[in-house]
Amino acid sequence: MFISSAFAQTAPAAAATGGDMMSSLTGMLPLVLMFVVLYFVMIRPQMKKQKEHRTMLEALAKGDEVATAGGLIGKVTKMGDGFLSLEIANGVEVQLQRSAVVQVMPKGTVK
C-alpha cells in the first residue's frame, strides 16, 4: 500500500522535465549575475587602465619628465625599444625598462 502511493507521487514529477530545466537555469542565474558584476567592477576598468598605460608608453619622447615605479623622477635622455635612459641628476643617468614608467610629469617638474 505504501509503495503504490510513493510511485504515484513521483510519477507526475518525473514526467515534467521542463521544471528541472527551469530550476537549473534559475540556479545558475546568481553565478551569471556575479560574473557580470565582476566584469564591470574589476575586469573592465583594469583593461582600460592597461590600455591607457600602453598608449602613454608609446607616446614617450626624448625630453619628457617621468616618474617611475621605484619612485625616481627624471628626464628621458635616450630611448630604445624596451629600455630608456633617465637623467635623475646632472651627469647621473640610469637605464630602465619602459614599463617602469608610471607617469609623465608636467614640464618643469625636474629642476
C-alpha atoms as a PDB file:
ATOM      1  CA  MET A   1       0.000   0.000   0.000  1.00  0.00           C
ATOM      2  CA  PHE A   2       2.843   2.439   0.802  1.00  0.00           C
ATOM      3  CA  ILE A   3       4.792   1.518  -2.320  1.00  0.00           C
ATOM      4  CA  SER A   4       1.979   2.240  -4.730  1.00  0.00           C
ATOM      5  CA  SER A   5       1.309   5.676  -3.209  1.00  0.00           C
ATOM      6  CA  ALA A   6       5.010   6.533  -3.384  1.00  0.00           C
ATOM      7  CA  PHE A   7       5.138   5.702  -7.082  1.00  0.00           C
ATOM      8  CA  ALA A   8       2.007   7.711  -7.625  1.00  0.00           C
ATOM      9  CA  GLN A   9       3.533  10.787  -6.024  1.00  0.00           C
ATOM     10  CA  THR A  10       6.760  10.732  -8.070  1.00  0.00           C
ATOM     11  CA  ALA A  11       5.222   9.882 -11.428  1.00  0.00           C
ATOM     12  CA  PRO A  12       3.990  13.414 -12.301  1.00  0.00           C
ATOM     13  CA  ALA A  13       7.282  14.978 -11.154  1.00  0.00           C
ATOM     14  CA  ALA A  14       9.317  12.619 -13.340  1.00  0.00           C
ATOM     15  CA  ALA A  15       7.110  13.342 -16.327  1.00  0.00           C
ATOM     16  CA  ALA A  16       7.631  17.114 -16.083  1.00  0.00           C
ATOM     17  CA  THR A  17      11.282  17.511 -17.154  1.00  0.00           C
ATOM     18  CA  GLY A  18      10.709  21.146 -18.147  1.00  0.00           C
ATOM     19  CA  GLY A  19      10.624  22.083 -14.471  1.00  0.00           C
ATOM     20  CA  ASP A  20      14.079  20.572 -13.942  1.00  0.00           C
ATOM     21  CA  MET A  21      15.477  22.637 -16.802  1.00  0.00           C
ATOM     22  CA  MET A  22      13.970  25.809 -15.402  1.00  0.00           C
ATOM     23  CA  SER A  23      15.273  25.136 -11.894  1.00  0.00           C
ATOM     24  CA  SER A  24      18.789  24.555 -13.197  1.00  0.00           C
ATOM     25  CA  LEU A  25      18.674  27.864 -15.095  1.00  0.00           C
ATOM     26  CA  THR A  26      17.466  29.750 -12.045  1.00  0.00           C
ATOM     27  CA  GLY A  27      20.204  28.050 -10.024  1.00  0.00           C
ATOM     28  CA  MET A  28      22.846  29.350 -12.448  1.00  0.00           C
ATOM     29  CA  LEU A  29      21.399  32.866 -12.547  1.00  0.00           C
ATOM     30  CA  PRO A  30      23.256  34.128  -9.425  1.00  0.00           C
ATOM     31  CA  LEU A  31      26.576  32.895 -10.852  1.00  0.00           C
ATOM     32  CA  VAL A  32      25.961  34.661 -14.147  1.00  0.00           C
ATOM     33  CA  LEU A  33      24.963  37.868 -12.362  1.00  0.00           C
ATOM     34  CA  MET A  34      28.079  37.700 -10.173  1.00  0.00           C
ATOM     35  CA  PHE A  35      30.292  37.327 -13.249  1.00  0.00           C
ATOM     36  CA  VAL A  36      28.618  40.303 -14.965  1.00  0.00           C
ATOM     37  CA  VAL A  37      29.097  42.483 -11.875  1.00  0.00           C
ATOM     38  CA  LEU A  38      32.717  41.295 -11.537  1.00  0.00           C
ATOM     39  CA  TYR A  39      33.365  42.173 -15.177  1.00  0.00           C
ATOM     40  CA  PHE A  40      32.037  45.726 -14.865  1.00  0.00           C
ATOM     41  CA  VAL A  41      33.556  46.400 -11.437  1.00  0.00           C
ATOM     42  CA  MET A  42      37.028  44.832 -11.786  1.00  0.00           C
ATOM     43  CA  ILE A  43      37.965  43.458 -15.201  1.00  0.00           C
ATOM     44  CA  ARG A  44      36.813  46.276 -17.490  1.00  0.00           C
ATOM     45  CA  PRO A  45      38.438  49.140 -15.509  1.00  0.00           C
ATOM     46  CA  GLN A  46      41.705  47.186 -15.291  1.00  0.00           C
ATOM     47  CA  MET A  47      41.736  46.641 -19.054  1.00  0.00           C
ATOM     48  CA  LYS A  48      41.056  50.351 -19.594  1.00  0.00           C
ATOM     49  CA  LYS A  49      43.912  51.293 -17.257  1.00  0.00           C
ATOM     50  CA  GLN A  50      46.312  48.942 -19.092  1.00  0.00           C
ATOM     51  CA  LYS A  51      45.332  50.452 -22.438  1.00  0.00           C
ATOM     52  CA  GLU A  52      45.959  53.995 -21.136  1.00  0.00           C
ATOM     53  CA  HIS A  53      49.378  52.942 -19.760  1.00  0.00           C
ATOM     54  CA  ARG A  54      50.338  51.339 -23.078  1.00  0.00           C
ATOM     55  CA  THR A  55      49.407  54.473 -25.053  1.00  0.00           C
ATOM     56  CA  MET A  56      51.333  56.635 -22.558  1.00  0.00           C
ATOM     57  CA  LEU A  57      54.442  54.466 -23.007  1.00  0.00           C
ATOM     58  CA  GLU A  58      54.146  54.605 -26.794  1.00  0.00           C
ATOM     59  CA  ALA A  59      53.879  58.406 -26.676  1.00  0.00           C
ATOM     60  CA  LEU A  60      57.050  58.849 -24.579  1.00  0.00           C
ATOM     61  CA  ALA A  61      59.606  61.088 -26.228  1.00  0.00           C
ATOM     62  CA  LYS A  62      63.099  62.318 -25.505  1.00  0.00           C
ATOM     63  CA  GLY A  63      62.995  65.213 -23.053  1.00  0.00           C
ATOM     64  CA  ASP A  64      59.845  64.080 -21.235  1.00  0.00           C
ATOM     65  CA  GLU A  65      59.944  64.228 -17.460  1.00  0.00           C
ATOM     66  CA  VAL A  66      58.669  60.991 -15.937  1.00  0.00           C
ATOM     67  CA  ALA A  67      58.119  59.214 -12.628  1.00  0.00           C
ATOM     68  CA  THR A  68      58.998  55.531 -12.312  1.00  0.00           C
ATOM     69  CA  ALA A  69      57.531  52.686 -10.283  1.00  0.00           C
ATOM     70  CA  GLY A  70      60.553  52.844  -7.982  1.00  0.00           C
ATOM     71  CA  GLY A  71      59.970  56.500  -7.190  1.00  0.00           C
ATOM     72  CA  LEU A  72      62.658  58.027  -9.399  1.00  0.00           C
ATOM     73  CA  ILE A  73      61.839  61.263 -11.180  1.00  0.00           C
ATOM     74  CA  GLY A  74      63.938  62.380 -14.108  1.00  0.00           C
ATOM     75  CA  LYS A  75      64.208  63.425 -17.723  1.00  0.00           C
ATOM     76  CA  VAL A  76      64.314  60.929 -20.607  1.00  0.00           C
ATOM     77  CA  THR A  77      67.611  61.297 -22.477  1.00  0.00           C
ATOM     78  CA  LYS A  78      67.818  58.196 -24.699  1.00  0.00           C
ATOM     79  CA  MET A  79      65.173  55.782 -25.901  1.00  0.00           C
ATOM     80  CA  GLY A  80      65.394  52.229 -27.155  1.00  0.00           C
ATOM     81  CA  ASP A  81      62.822  49.551 -27.921  1.00  0.00           C
ATOM     82  CA  GLY A  82      62.457  48.194 -24.408  1.00  0.00           C
ATOM     83  CA  PHE A  83      64.725  50.467 -22.383  1.00  0.00           C
ATOM     84  CA  LEU A  84      65.277  54.160 -21.843  1.00  0.00           C
ATOM     85  CA  SER A  85      67.896  56.322 -20.131  1.00  0.00           C
ATOM     86  CA  LEU A  86      66.714  58.633 -17.418  1.00  0.00           C
ATOM     87  CA  GLU A  87      68.761  61.566 -16.122  1.00  0.00           C
ATOM     88  CA  ILE A  88      67.950  61.796 -12.416  1.00  0.00           C
ATOM     89  CA  ALA A  89      70.600  64.423 -11.573  1.00  0.00           C
ATOM     90  CA  ASN A  90      73.218  66.403 -13.504  1.00  0.00           C
ATOM     91  CA  GLY A  91      75.521  63.816 -15.056  1.00  0.00           C
ATOM     92  CA  VAL A  92      73.709  60.841 -13.437  1.00  0.00           C
ATOM     93  CA  GLU A  93      71.855  58.581 -15.854  1.00  0.00           C
ATOM     94  CA  VAL A  94      70.162  55.276 -15.183  1.00  0.00           C
ATOM     95  CA  GLN A  95      68.748  52.775 -17.616  1.00  0.00           C
ATOM     96  CA  LEU A  96      65.326  51.296 -17.003  1.00  0.00           C
ATOM     97  CA  GLN A  97      62.661  49.338 -18.746  1.00  0.00           C
ATOM     98  CA  ARG A  98      59.949  51.353 -20.416  1.00  0.00           C
ATOM     99  CA  SER A  99      57.310  49.529 -18.398  1.00  0.00           C
ATOM    100  CA  ALA A 100      58.786  51.019 -15.187  1.00  0.00           C
ATOM    101  CA  VAL A 101      57.482  54.453 -16.168  1.00  0.00           C
ATOM    102  CA  VAL A 102      54.178  55.085 -14.420  1.00  0.00           C
ATOM    103  CA  GLN A 103      53.536  58.762 -15.090  1.00  0.00           C
ATOM    104  CA  VAL A 104      54.598  61.584 -17.369  1.00  0.00           C
ATOM    105  CA  MET A 105      55.143  64.661 -15.232  1.00  0.00           C
ATOM    106  CA  PRO A 106      54.403  68.235 -16.326  1.00  0.00           C
ATOM    107  CA  LYS A 107      57.316  70.137 -17.883  1.00  0.00           C
ATOM    108  CA  GLY A 108      59.486  71.898 -15.314  1.00  0.00           C
ATOM    109  CA  THR A 109      58.966  69.358 -12.539  1.00  0.00           C
ATOM    110  CA  VAL A 110      62.585  68.225 -12.582  1.00  0.00           C
ATOM    111  CA  LYS A 111      64.978  71.042 -11.705  1.00  0.00           C
END
